[in-house]
Amino acid sequence: MLGLRKENFKTSIMKNGKLLFGILLIGLLASSCYTEVIVEDDFIAESPVNTALALESYDLWYIDINATQGNGEIPFLQRAFTISFDSGVVYANNNLVGIGKTGNGIGIDVGTYGTYSGTVEVDHDVDGLWLLDVYAINNNTLELYDPDSDTSYLLRGYQRSNFDYDLIFYDNIHYFLQEYQVWEKTYVSEEGALNDFDEENYLQFFAGNGGTFRSSVDASGTALFNLQWDYEGDYEVFDVTNDATLKTLTLDYDYLGNDYFEIYVINDSTIELYHVSSGTVYEFTGRGFQQYLKSGSETGKKRVKTKNPVMDVARQRKM
């Protein structure tokens, strides 16, 4: 899970046998001729490649933002969870809400593209022209490299039929929490001991993992603009050892200590918080969906590298 910078990329080609669109997506190589080159005992095979066919070989390219290398950014890649190349049109899923449904799964139209030998030129509707080098990492992984900013993005290819839409929510759950202005409590289980969190009816999460949350005890059905926030504190999302579809959440209430939950995604508008200490199940429904389109100060959310802290705990919620 690693992109390559410009300065060390040529060396990496020598060492790893990786070349600019040399070995690209098994089965897509044209095999009319090839050249074998031996460099420092490493084998490099060069073959003519159909760049467009390679980019279009998968319905979706998931952008592994944590594998980005470089100090610059390609805005439309920084913003998206997935990108797709389809007959000259670029599509992106910039939101988790609606992913798998918007644009028949591939997202919204954000621009056009043309291909050359080993490069793709993207004309983004807002971010303009970008000429990017394309490198094949393996049979379903590409690297898009911007030589102007010396920045690389790693893309992993999936067909819509085998893309794990559930896992993408868990891998990016802190972004999901921020896609609604407010989360309103809509269900409390009869099971579970009484606890102070029972009084909380609204939650709001701000940018970043380890960011800020607010909570309110206002009555259900209160208009968003009338909400009075009673408390503001820190929250953090944790990964769980050997359990990719379990995340835990802590809400830091100064006067109570941390409230600790297992967090589950029910659908793209509902989360479940299981309060481990009391055994209570809460459901919260998102209100005020914030759609991230192509760009702009209000809709220009960008992803950043995030490494969640890890908890070594066992799942407590009995499903």
C-alpha atoms as a PDB file:
ATOM      1  CA  MET A   1       0.000   0.000   0.000  1.00  0.00           C
ATOM      2  CA  LEU A   2       2.544   2.458  -1.128  1.00  0.00           C
ATOM      3  CA  GLY A   3       2.748   5.135  -3.819  1.00  0.00           C
ATOM      4  CA  LEU A   4       6.115   6.228  -5.158  1.00  0.00           C
ATOM      5  CA  ARG A   5       7.697   9.655  -5.355  1.00  0.00           C
ATOM      6  CA  LYS A   6       9.399  10.968  -8.456  1.00  0.00           C
ATOM      7  CA  GLU A   7      12.910  10.969  -7.066  1.00  0.00           C
ATOM      8  CA  ASN A   8      12.931   7.343  -6.008  1.00  0.00           C
ATOM      9  CA  PHE A   9      10.631   5.972  -8.639  1.00  0.00           C
ATOM     10  CA  LYS A  10      13.348   5.264 -11.218  1.00  0.00           C
ATOM     11  CA  THR A  11      15.316   3.425  -8.579  1.00  0.00           C
ATOM     12  CA  SER A  12      12.224   1.467  -7.626  1.00  0.00           C
ATOM     13  CA  ILE A  13      11.782   0.464 -11.262  1.00  0.00           C
ATOM     14  CA  MET A  14      15.316  -0.963 -11.189  1.00  0.00           C
ATOM     15  CA  LYS A  15      14.781  -2.746  -7.922  1.00  0.00           C
ATOM     16  CA  ASN A  16      11.224  -3.967  -8.248  1.00  0.00           C
ATOM     17  CA  GLY A  17      10.833  -4.555 -11.942  1.00  0.00           C
ATOM     18  CA  LYS A  18       8.016  -2.012 -12.103  1.00  0.00           C
ATOM     19  CA  LEU A  19       7.756   0.266 -15.118  1.00  0.00           C
ATOM     20  CA  LEU A  20       5.656   2.975 -16.571  1.00  0.00           C
ATOM     21  CA  PHE A  21       2.733   0.980 -17.757  1.00  0.00           C
ATOM     22  CA  GLY A  22       5.061  -1.879 -18.640  1.00  0.00           C
ATOM     23  CA  ILE A  23       3.234  -4.701 -16.919  1.00  0.00           C
ATOM     24  CA  LEU A  24      -0.394  -3.675 -16.798  1.00  0.00           C
ATOM     25  CA  LEU A  25      -3.428  -5.611 -15.670  1.00  0.00           C
ATOM     26  CA  ILE A  26      -2.981  -9.232 -16.644  1.00  0.00           C
ATOM     27  CA  GLY A  27      -4.816 -10.064 -19.821  1.00  0.00           C
ATOM     28  CA  LEU A  28      -4.758  -6.478 -21.150  1.00  0.00           C
ATOM     29  CA  LEU A  29      -1.279  -6.487 -22.596  1.00  0.00           C
ATOM     30  CA  ALA A  30      -0.989  -6.446 -26.332  1.00  0.00           C
ATOM     31  CA  SER A  31       1.522  -9.143 -27.167  1.00  0.00           C
ATOM     32  CA  SER A  32       2.614  -8.360 -30.693  1.00  0.00           C
ATOM     33  CA  CYS A  33       6.162  -7.620 -29.554  1.00  0.00           C
ATOM     34  CA  TYR A  34       8.150  -7.105 -26.411  1.00  0.00           C
ATOM     35  CA  THR A  35      11.606  -6.217 -25.177  1.00  0.00           C
ATOM     36  CA  GLU A  36      13.477  -7.921 -22.355  1.00  0.00           C
ATOM     37  CA  VAL A  37      15.898  -5.805 -20.361  1.00  0.00           C
ATOM     38  CA  ILE A  38      18.204  -6.954 -17.564  1.00  0.00           C
ATOM     39  CA  VAL A  39      19.068  -4.226 -15.057  1.00  0.00           C
ATOM     40  CA  GLU A  40      21.018  -5.118 -11.934  1.00  0.00           C
ATOM     41  CA  ASP A  41      19.771  -8.705 -12.213  1.00  0.00           C
ATOM     42  CA  ASP A  42      16.127  -7.580 -12.249  1.00  0.00           C
ATOM     43  CA  PHE A  43      13.856  -8.373 -15.177  1.00  0.00           C
ATOM     44  CA  ILE A  44      11.836  -5.682 -16.896  1.00  0.00           C
ATOM     45  CA  ALA A  45       9.367  -6.625 -19.622  1.00  0.00           C
ATOM     46  CA  GLU A  46       8.158  -3.857 -21.900  1.00  0.00           C
ATOM     47  CA  SER A  47       4.992  -4.310 -23.951  1.00  0.00           C
ATOM     48  CA  PRO A  48       2.681  -1.975 -25.802  1.00  0.00           C
ATOM     49  CA  VAL A  49      -0.380  -1.253 -23.682  1.00  0.00           C
ATOM     50  CA  ASN A  50      -3.846   0.131 -24.298  1.00  0.00           C
ATOM     51  CA  THR A  51      -4.032   2.718 -21.512  1.00  0.00           C
ATOM     52  CA  ALA A  52      -7.751   3.407 -21.942  1.00  0.00           C
ATOM     53  CA  LEU A  53      -8.567  -0.292 -21.762  1.00  0.00           C
ATOM     54  CA  ALA A  54      -6.551  -0.580 -18.551  1.00  0.00           C
ATOM     55  CA  LEU A  55      -8.305   2.326 -16.828  1.00  0.00           C
ATOM     56  CA  GLU A  56     -11.673   1.005 -17.935  1.00  0.00           C
ATOM     57  CA  SER A  57     -10.957  -2.585 -16.906  1.00  0.00           C
ATOM     58  CA  TYR A  58     -12.577  -2.054 -13.482  1.00  0.00           C
ATOM     59  CA  ASP A  59     -15.867  -0.353 -12.705  1.00  0.00           C
ATOM     60  CA  LEU A  60     -14.484   1.339  -9.606  1.00  0.00           C
ATOM     61  CA  TRP A  61     -11.048   2.375  -8.430  1.00  0.00           C
ATOM     62  CA  TYR A  62     -10.939   2.765  -4.643  1.00  0.00           C
ATOM     63  CA  ILE A  63      -8.520   5.532  -3.673  1.00  0.00           C
ATOM     64  CA  ASP A  64      -6.351   4.292  -0.812  1.00  0.00           C
ATOM     65  CA  ILE A  65      -5.736   7.708   0.696  1.00  0.00           C
ATOM     66  CA  ASN A  66      -3.413   6.348   3.387  1.00  0.00           C
ATOM     67  CA  ALA A  67      -1.022   5.145   0.666  1.00  0.00           C
ATOM     68  CA  THR A  68      -0.653   8.608  -0.876  1.00  0.00           C
ATOM     69  CA  GLN A  69       2.948   9.786  -1.215  1.00  0.00           C
ATOM     70  CA  GLY A  70       4.139  13.360  -1.691  1.00  0.00           C
ATOM     71  CA  ASN A  71       3.465  16.798  -0.265  1.00  0.00           C
ATOM     72  CA  GLY A  72       1.099  18.004  -2.978  1.00  0.00           C
ATOM     73  CA  GLU A  73      -2.391  16.894  -3.890  1.00  0.00           C
ATOM     74  CA  ILE A  74      -4.620  16.155  -6.828  1.00  0.00           C
ATOM     75  CA  PRO A  75      -7.826  17.773  -5.560  1.00  0.00           C
ATOM     76  CA  PHE A  76     -10.383  15.540  -7.266  1.00  0.00           C
ATOM     77  CA  LEU A  77      -8.568  12.409  -6.038  1.00  0.00           C
ATOM     78  CA  GLN A  78      -8.112  13.833  -2.544  1.00  0.00           C
ATOM     79  CA  ARG A  79     -11.849  14.423  -2.393  1.00  0.00           C
ATOM     80  CA  ALA A  80     -13.118  11.079  -3.685  1.00  0.00           C
ATOM     81  CA  PHE A  81     -13.564   7.611  -2.231  1.00  0.00           C
ATOM     82  CA  THR A  82     -13.755   6.017  -5.683  1.00  0.00           C
ATOM     83  CA  ILE A  83     -13.079   7.137  -9.231  1.00  0.00           C
ATOM     84  CA  SER A  84     -14.219   5.538 -12.488  1.00  0.00           C
ATOM     85  CA  PHE A  85     -13.190   5.934 -16.114  1.00  0.00           C
ATOM     86  CA  ASP A  86     -15.983   5.147 -18.550  1.00  0.00           C
ATOM     87  CA  SER A  87     -15.865   5.918 -22.271  1.00  0.00           C
ATOM     88  CA  GLY A  88     -14.170   9.281 -21.850  1.00  0.00           C
ATOM     89  CA  VAL A  89     -16.112  10.388 -18.751  1.00  0.00           C
ATOM     90  CA  VAL A  90     -14.705  10.526 -15.211  1.00  0.00           C
ATOM     91  CA  TYR A  91     -17.055   9.642 -12.354  1.00  0.00           C
ATOM     92  CA  ALA A  92     -16.440   9.929  -8.607  1.00  0.00           C
ATOM     93  CA  ASN A  93     -18.089   8.944  -5.340  1.00  0.00           C
ATOM     94  CA  ASN A  94     -17.323  11.893  -3.069  1.00  0.00           C
ATOM     95  CA  ASN A  95     -19.817  10.797  -0.409  1.00  0.00           C
ATOM     96  CA  LEU A  96     -20.327   7.574   1.494  1.00  0.00           C
ATOM     97  CA  VAL A  97     -24.023   8.341   1.734  1.00  0.00           C
ATOM     98  CA  GLY A  98     -25.531   7.009  -1.473  1.00  0.00           C
ATOM     99  CA  ILE A  99     -22.465   5.047  -2.513  1.00  0.00           C
ATOM    100  CA  GLY A 100     -23.496   1.999  -4.501  1.00  0.00           C
ATOM    101  CA  LYS A 101     -26.629   3.815  -5.681  1.00  0.00           C
ATOM    102  CA  THR A 102     -25.513   7.197  -7.010  1.00  0.00           C
ATOM    103  CA  GLY A 103     -24.846   6.981 -10.728  1.00  0.00           C
ATOM    104  CA  ASN A 104     -25.620   3.268 -10.702  1.00  0.00           C
ATOM    105  CA  GLY A 105     -22.759   2.828  -8.258  1.00  0.00           C
ATOM    106  CA  ILE A 106     -19.990   4.801  -9.943  1.00  0.00           C
ATOM    107  CA  GLY A 107     -20.972   8.237  -8.642  1.00  0.00           C
ATOM    108  CA  ILE A 108     -21.373  11.623 -10.276  1.00  0.00           C
ATOM    109  CA  ASP A 109     -19.928  12.926 -13.549  1.00  0.00           C
ATOM    110  CA  VAL A 110     -16.957  15.147 -12.632  1.00  0.00           C
ATOM    111  CA  GLY A 111     -15.105  15.553 -15.924  1.00  0.00           C
ATOM    112  CA  THR A 112     -13.625  13.931 -19.012  1.00  0.00           C
ATOM    113  CA  TYR A 113     -10.390  12.143 -19.839  1.00  0.00           C
ATOM    114  CA  GLY A 114      -8.143  11.204 -22.736  1.00  0.00           C
ATOM    115  CA  THR A 115      -5.327   8.673 -22.777  1.00  0.00           C
ATOM    116  CA  TYR A 116      -1.849   8.534 -24.241  1.00  0.00           C
ATOM    117  CA  SER A 117       0.993   6.055 -23.882  1.00  0.00           C
ATOM    118  CA  GLY A 118       1.368   5.643 -20.131  1.00  0.00           C
ATOM    119  CA  THR A 119      -0.542   8.814 -19.238  1.00  0.00           C
ATOM    120  CA  VAL A 120      -4.082  10.016 -18.718  1.00  0.00           C
ATOM    121  CA  GLU A 121      -5.228  13.615 -19.150  1.00  0.00           C
ATOM    122  CA  VAL A 122      -8.163  14.474 -16.897  1.00  0.00           C
ATOM    123  CA  ASP A 123     -10.171  17.624 -17.563  1.00  0.00           C
ATOM    124  CA  HIS A 124     -11.995  18.066 -14.267  1.00  0.00           C
ATOM    125  CA  ASP A 125     -15.069  20.291 -14.329  1.00  0.00           C
ATOM    126  CA  VAL A 126     -13.723  22.434 -11.486  1.00  0.00           C
ATOM    127  CA  ASP A 127     -10.062  21.524 -10.944  1.00  0.00           C
ATOM    128  CA  GLY A 128      -9.042  21.856 -14.598  1.00  0.00           C
ATOM    129  CA  LEU A 129      -6.504  19.880 -16.629  1.00  0.00           C
ATOM    130  CA  TRP A 130      -4.240  17.249 -15.056  1.00  0.00           C
ATOM    131  CA  LEU A 131      -1.742  15.158 -17.011  1.00  0.00           C
ATOM    132  CA  LEU A 132      -0.957  12.123 -14.839  1.00  0.00           C
ATOM    133  CA  ASP A 133       1.492   9.282 -15.314  1.00  0.00           C
ATOM    134  CA  VAL A 134      -0.019   5.830 -14.869  1.00  0.00           C
ATOM    135  CA  TYR A 135       1.901   2.934 -13.342  1.00  0.00           C
ATOM    136  CA  ALA A 136       0.833  -0.659 -12.848  1.00  0.00           C
ATOM    137  CA  ILE A 137       1.578  -2.053  -9.390  1.00  0.00           C
ATOM    138  CA  ASN A 138      -0.109  -5.426  -9.886  1.00  0.00           C
ATOM    139  CA  ASN A 139      -3.108  -6.862 -11.705  1.00  0.00           C
ATOM    140  CA  ASN A 140      -5.675  -4.705  -9.868  1.00  0.00           C
ATOM    141  CA  THR A 141      -3.654  -1.781  -8.539  1.00  0.00           C
ATOM    142  CA  LEU A 142      -2.637   1.392 -10.347  1.00  0.00           C
ATOM    143  CA  GLU A 143      -0.660   4.423  -9.303  1.00  0.00           C
ATOM    144  CA  LEU A 144      -1.504   7.868 -10.643  1.00  0.00           C
ATOM    145  CA  TYR A 145       1.473  10.204 -10.384  1.00  0.00           C
ATOM    146  CA  ASP A 146       1.502  13.977 -10.782  1.00  0.00           C
ATOM    147  CA  PRO A 147       5.063  14.993 -11.759  1.00  0.00           C
ATOM    148  CA  ASP A 148       4.384  18.685 -11.123  1.00  0.00           C
ATOM    149  CA  SER A 149       3.711  18.149  -7.418  1.00  0.00           C
ATOM    150  CA  ASP A 150       5.664  14.875  -7.066  1.00  0.00           C
ATOM    151  CA  THR A 151       2.573  13.208  -5.606  1.00  0.00           C
ATOM    152  CA  SER A 152       1.247   9.678  -6.087  1.00  0.00           C
ATOM    153  CA  TYR A 153      -2.147   8.099  -5.408  1.00  0.00           C
ATOM    154  CA  LEU A 154      -2.767   4.366  -5.192  1.00  0.00           C
ATOM    155  CA  LEU A 155      -5.973   3.017  -6.795  1.00  0.00           C
ATOM    156  CA  ARG A 156      -7.369  -0.482  -6.247  1.00  0.00           C
ATOM    157  CA  GLY A 157      -9.711  -1.870  -8.876  1.00  0.00           C
ATOM    158  CA  TYR A 158     -13.076  -3.552  -8.250  1.00  0.00           C
ATOM    159  CA  GLN A 159     -16.107  -4.531 -10.251  1.00  0.00           C
ATOM    160  CA  ARG A 160     -19.382  -3.325  -8.804  1.00  0.00           C
ATOM    161  CA  SER A 161     -20.374  -6.941  -8.194  1.00  0.00           C
ATOM    162  CA  ASN A 162     -17.439  -7.598  -5.836  1.00  0.00           C
ATOM    163  CA  PHE A 163     -16.954  -4.181  -4.247  1.00  0.00           C
ATOM    164  CA  ASP A 164     -17.481  -4.351  -0.476  1.00  0.00           C
ATOM    165  CA  TYR A 165     -19.700  -1.345   0.119  1.00  0.00           C
ATOM    166  CA  ASP A 166     -20.083  -2.260   3.801  1.00  0.00           C
ATOM    167  CA  LEU A 167     -16.358  -2.329   4.451  1.00  0.00           C
ATOM    168  CA  ILE A 168     -15.804   1.083   2.874  1.00  0.00           C
ATOM    169  CA  PHE A 169     -18.102   2.571   5.531  1.00  0.00           C
ATOM    170  CA  TYR A 170     -16.118   0.985   8.346  1.00  0.00           C
ATOM    171  CA  ASP A 171     -12.774   1.946   6.823  1.00  0.00           C
ATOM    172  CA  ASN A 172     -13.912   5.570   6.597  1.00  0.00           C
ATOM    173  CA  ILE A 173     -16.419   5.782   9.421  1.00  0.00           C
ATOM    174  CA  HIS A 174     -15.170   9.096  10.793  1.00  0.00           C
ATOM    175  CA  TYR A 175     -16.025  10.665   7.396  1.00  0.00           C
ATOM    176  CA  PHE A 176     -19.454   9.042   7.490  1.00  0.00           C
ATOM    177  CA  LEU A 177     -20.141  10.592  10.904  1.00  0.00           C
ATOM    178  CA  GLN A 178     -19.437  14.013   9.374  1.00  0.00           C
ATOM    179  CA  GLU A 179     -21.690  13.638   6.310  1.00  0.00           C
ATOM    180  CA  TYR A 180     -24.744  14.610   8.343  1.00  0.00           C
ATOM    181  CA  GLN A 181     -25.037  17.864  10.216  1.00  0.00           C
ATOM    182  CA  VAL A 182     -26.680  16.097  13.149  1.00  0.00           C
ATOM    183  CA  TRP A 183     -27.436  12.559  14.349  1.00  0.00           C
ATOM    184  CA  GLU A 184     -30.797  12.258  16.115  1.00  0.00           C
ATOM    185  CA  LYS A 185     -31.540   9.425  18.537  1.00  0.00           C
ATOM    186  CA  THR A 186     -34.465   7.442  17.137  1.00  0.00           C
ATOM    187  CA  TYR A 187     -34.380   4.199  19.136  1.00  0.00           C
ATOM    188  CA  VAL A 188     -33.376   2.966  22.597  1.00  0.00           C
ATOM    189  CA  SER A 189     -33.536  -0.699  23.544  1.00  0.00           C
ATOM    190  CA  GLU A 190     -35.574  -1.836  26.508  1.00  0.00           C
ATOM    191  CA  GLU A 191     -32.616  -3.912  27.627  1.00  0.00           C
ATOM    192  CA  GLY A 192     -29.790  -2.142  29.385  1.00  0.00           C
ATOM    193  CA  ALA A 193     -29.152  -0.377  32.668  1.00  0.00           C
ATOM    194  CA  LEU A 194     -30.074   3.254  33.189  1.00  0.00           C
ATOM    195  CA  ASN A 195     -27.145   5.586  32.480  1.00  0.00           C
ATOM    196  CA  ASP A 196     -26.470   9.267  31.882  1.00  0.00           C
ATOM    197  CA  PHE A 197     -26.193   8.856  28.106  1.00  0.00           C
ATOM    198  CA  ASP A 198     -29.910   8.002  28.033  1.00  0.00           C
ATOM    199  CA  GLU A 199     -30.578  11.752  28.198  1.00  0.00           C
ATOM    200  CA  GLU A 200     -28.637  12.596  25.037  1.00  0.00           C
ATOM    201  CA  ASN A 201     -30.845  12.985  21.966  1.00  0.00           C
ATOM    202  CA  TYR A 202     -28.510  14.590  19.416  1.00  0.00           C
ATOM    203  CA  LEU A 203     -24.871  14.191  18.435  1.00  0.00           C
ATOM    204  CA  GLN A 204     -22.734  16.209  16.044  1.00  0.00           C
ATOM    205  CA  PHE A 205     -19.246  15.281  14.822  1.00  0.00           C
ATOM    206  CA  PHE A 206     -16.634  17.620  13.413  1.00  0.00           C
ATOM    207  CA  ALA A 207     -13.694  16.940  11.105  1.00  0.00           C
ATOM    208  CA  GLY A 208     -10.906  14.591  12.023  1.00  0.00           C
ATOM    209  CA  ASN A 209     -10.641  11.412  14.010  1.00  0.00           C
ATOM    210  CA  GLY A 210      -9.901  12.478  17.506  1.00  0.00           C
ATOM    211  CA  GLY A 211     -11.934  15.584  16.696  1.00  0.00           C
ATOM    212  CA  THR A 212     -14.710  17.385  18.503  1.00  0.00           C
ATOM    213  CA  PHE A 213     -18.298  16.308  19.124  1.00  0.00           C
ATOM    214  CA  ARG A 214     -21.295  18.100  20.577  1.00  0.00           C
ATOM    215  CA  SER A 215     -24.374  16.661  22.262  1.00  0.00           C
ATOM    216  CA  SER A 216     -27.826  17.943  23.097  1.00  0.00           C
ATOM    217  CA  VAL A 217     -30.722  16.821  25.290  1.00  0.00           C
ATOM    218  CA  ASP A 218     -33.288  18.756  23.232  1.00  0.00           C
ATOM    219  CA  ALA A 219     -36.524  16.907  22.510  1.00  0.00           C
ATOM    220  CA  SER A 220     -36.841  14.683  19.454  1.00  0.00           C
ATOM    221  CA  GLY A 221     -38.103  16.531  16.392  1.00  0.00           C
ATOM    222  CA  THR A 222     -36.399  19.832  17.260  1.00  0.00           C
ATOM    223  CA  ALA A 223     -35.503  21.838  14.141  1.00  0.00           C
ATOM    224  CA  LEU A 224     -31.774  21.754  13.474  1.00  0.00           C
ATOM    225  CA  PHE A 225     -31.409  25.531  13.701  1.00  0.00           C
ATOM    226  CA  ASN A 226     -33.096  25.506  17.125  1.00  0.00           C
ATOM    227  CA  LEU A 227     -30.841  22.906  18.726  1.00  0.00           C
ATOM    228  CA  GLN A 228     -29.060  23.996  21.891  1.00  0.00           C
ATOM    229  CA  TRP A 229     -25.779  22.192  22.385  1.00  0.00           C
ATOM    230  CA  ASP A 230     -25.289  21.285  26.029  1.00  0.00           C
ATOM    231  CA  TYR A 231     -21.846  19.759  25.847  1.00  0.00           C
ATOM    232  CA  GLU A 232     -18.725  19.813  23.675  1.00  0.00           C
ATOM    233  CA  GLY A 233     -15.868  17.357  24.003  1.00  0.00           C
ATOM    234  CA  ASP A 234     -13.483  15.076  22.143  1.00  0.00           C
ATOM    235  CA  TYR A 235     -14.316  11.857  20.332  1.00  0.00           C
ATOM    236  CA  GLU A 236     -12.173   9.108  18.857  1.00  0.00           C
ATOM    237  CA  VAL A 237     -12.780   6.097  16.636  1.00  0.00           C
ATOM    238  CA  PHE A 238     -10.720   2.946  17.197  1.00  0.00           C
ATOM    239  CA  ASP A 239      -9.923  -0.084  15.073  1.00  0.00           C
ATOM    240  CA  VAL A 240     -10.289  -3.463  16.741  1.00  0.00           C
ATOM    241  CA  THR A 241      -7.653  -6.163  16.498  1.00  0.00           C
ATOM    242  CA  ASN A 242      -8.613  -8.902  13.998  1.00  0.00           C
ATOM    243  CA  ASP A 243     -12.126  -7.505  13.422  1.00  0.00           C
ATOM    244  CA  ALA A 244     -12.350  -5.317  10.305  1.00  0.00           C
ATOM    245  CA  THR A 245     -16.082  -4.656  10.632  1.00  0.00           C
ATOM    246  CA  LEU A 246     -16.016  -3.523  14.242  1.00  0.00           C
ATOM    247  CA  LYS A 247     -15.127  -0.001  15.274  1.00  0.00           C
ATOM    248  CA  THR A 248     -15.343   1.441  18.745  1.00  0.00           C
ATOM    249  CA  LEU A 249     -16.114   5.014  19.714  1.00  0.00           C
ATOM    250  CA  THR A 250     -15.307   7.033  22.807  1.00  0.00           C
ATOM    251  CA  LEU A 251     -17.054  10.275  23.747  1.00  0.00           C
ATOM    252  CA  ASP A 252     -15.125  12.220  26.344  1.00  0.00           C
ATOM    253  CA  TYR A 253     -17.491  13.719  28.897  1.00  0.00           C
ATOM    254  CA  ASP A 254     -15.348  15.555  31.436  1.00  0.00           C
ATOM    255  CA  TYR A 255     -17.812  15.094  34.250  1.00  0.00           C
ATOM    256  CA  LEU A 256     -18.535  11.432  33.469  1.00  0.00           C
ATOM    257  CA  GLY A 257     -15.323  10.170  31.909  1.00  0.00           C
ATOM    258  CA  ASN A 258     -15.365   8.438  28.553  1.00  0.00           C
ATOM    259  CA  ASP A 259     -18.544   6.851  27.268  1.00  0.00           C
ATOM    260  CA  TYR A 260     -17.481   3.778  25.322  1.00  0.00           C
ATOM    261  CA  PHE A 261     -19.496   2.276  22.461  1.00  0.00           C
ATOM    262  CA  GLU A 262     -19.294  -0.297  19.741  1.00  0.00           C
ATOM    263  CA  ILE A 263     -20.437   1.444  16.560  1.00  0.00           C
ATOM    264  CA  TYR A 264     -22.282  -0.316  13.747  1.00  0.00           C
ATOM    265  CA  VAL A 265     -23.484   0.989  10.381  1.00  0.00           C
ATOM    266  CA  ILE A 266     -27.107  -0.057   9.794  1.00  0.00           C
ATOM    267  CA  ASN A 267     -27.481   1.750   6.468  1.00  0.00           C
ATOM    268  CA  ASP A 268     -26.292   4.988   4.916  1.00  0.00           C
ATOM    269  CA  SER A 269     -28.460   7.075   7.231  1.00  0.00           C
ATOM    270  CA  THR A 270     -28.471   5.077  10.474  1.00  0.00           C
ATOM    271  CA  ILE A 271     -25.832   4.073  12.998  1.00  0.00           C
ATOM    272  CA  GLU A 272     -26.116   1.920  16.086  1.00  0.00           C
ATOM    273  CA  LEU A 273     -24.209   2.707  19.255  1.00  0.00           C
ATOM    274  CA  TYR A 274     -23.936  -0.159  21.701  1.00  0.00           C
ATOM    275  CA  HIS A 275     -23.148   1.193  25.170  1.00  0.00           C
ATOM    276  CA  VAL A 276     -20.978  -1.595  26.497  1.00  0.00           C
ATOM    277  CA  SER A 277     -21.092  -0.769  30.205  1.00  0.00           C
ATOM    278  CA  SER A 278     -24.906  -0.587  30.386  1.00  0.00           C
ATOM    279  CA  GLY A 279     -25.806  -3.044  27.611  1.00  0.00           C
ATOM    280  CA  THR A 280     -28.052  -0.440  25.954  1.00  0.00           C
ATOM    281  CA  VAL A 281     -28.518  -0.203  22.183  1.00  0.00           C
ATOM    282  CA  TYR A 282     -29.110   3.244  20.674  1.00  0.00           C
ATOM    283  CA  GLU A 283     -29.918   4.053  17.064  1.00  0.00           C
ATOM    284  CA  PHE A 284     -29.177   7.482  15.616  1.00  0.00           C
ATOM    285  CA  THR A 285     -30.490   8.728  12.273  1.00  0.00           C
ATOM    286  CA  GLY A 286     -28.652  11.326  10.206  1.00  0.00           C
ATOM    287  CA  ARG A 287     -30.285  14.691   9.571  1.00  0.00           C
ATOM    288  CA  GLY A 288     -29.008  17.411   7.290  1.00  0.00           C
ATOM    289  CA  PHE A 289     -27.096  15.431   4.672  1.00  0.00           C
ATOM    290  CA  GLN A 290     -24.061  17.339   3.411  1.00  0.00           C
ATOM    291  CA  GLN A 291     -23.428  16.376  -0.206  1.00  0.00           C
ATOM    292  CA  TYR A 292     -19.877  16.835  -1.418  1.00  0.00           C
ATOM    293  CA  LEU A 293     -19.999  17.561  -5.114  1.00  0.00           C
ATOM    294  CA  LYS A 294     -17.068  18.684  -7.248  1.00  0.00           C
ATOM    295  CA  SER A 295     -15.459  21.485  -5.270  1.00  0.00           C
ATOM    296  CA  GLY A 296     -16.107  24.734  -3.456  1.00  0.00           C
ATOM    297  CA  SER A 297     -15.769  25.930   0.116  1.00  0.00           C
ATOM    298  CA  GLU A 298     -19.045  24.367   1.234  1.00  0.00           C
ATOM    299  CA  THR A 299     -18.737  21.097  -0.654  1.00  0.00           C
ATOM    300  CA  GLY A 300     -14.991  20.647  -0.854  1.00  0.00           C
ATOM    301  CA  LYS A 301     -14.381  18.062   1.867  1.00  0.00           C
ATOM    302  CA  LYS A 302     -11.012  16.375   1.380  1.00  0.00           C
ATOM    303  CA  ARG A 303      -9.752  13.147   2.847  1.00  0.00           C
ATOM    304  CA  VAL A 304      -6.507  13.004   4.772  1.00  0.00           C
ATOM    305  CA  LYS A 305      -4.307  10.173   5.928  1.00  0.00           C
ATOM    306  CA  THR A 306      -5.762   8.643   9.062  1.00  0.00           C
ATOM    307  CA  LYS A 307      -4.385   5.930  11.299  1.00  0.00           C
ATOM    308  CA  ASN A 308      -6.894   4.909  13.920  1.00  0.00           C
ATOM    309  CA  PRO A 309      -5.622   3.794  17.305  1.00  0.00           C
ATOM    310  CA  VAL A 310      -6.226   0.098  17.913  1.00  0.00           C
ATOM    311  CA  MET A 311      -8.114  -1.576  20.747  1.00  0.00           C
ATOM    312  CA  ASP A 312      -7.504  -5.203  21.630  1.00  0.00           C
ATOM    313  CA  VAL A 313     -11.039  -6.036  22.732  1.00  0.00           C
ATOM    314  CA  ALA A 314     -13.690  -8.624  21.917  1.00  0.00           C
ATOM    315  CA  ARG A 315     -17.034  -7.773  20.337  1.00  0.00           C
ATOM    316  CA  GLN A 316     -19.698  -7.506  23.072  1.00  0.00           C
ATOM    317  CA  ARG A 317     -22.871  -6.825  21.097  1.00  0.00           C
ATOM    318  CA  LYS A 318     -24.918  -9.984  20.623  1.00  0.00           C
ATOM    319  CA  MET A 319     -26.350  -9.749  17.102  1.00  0.00           C
END
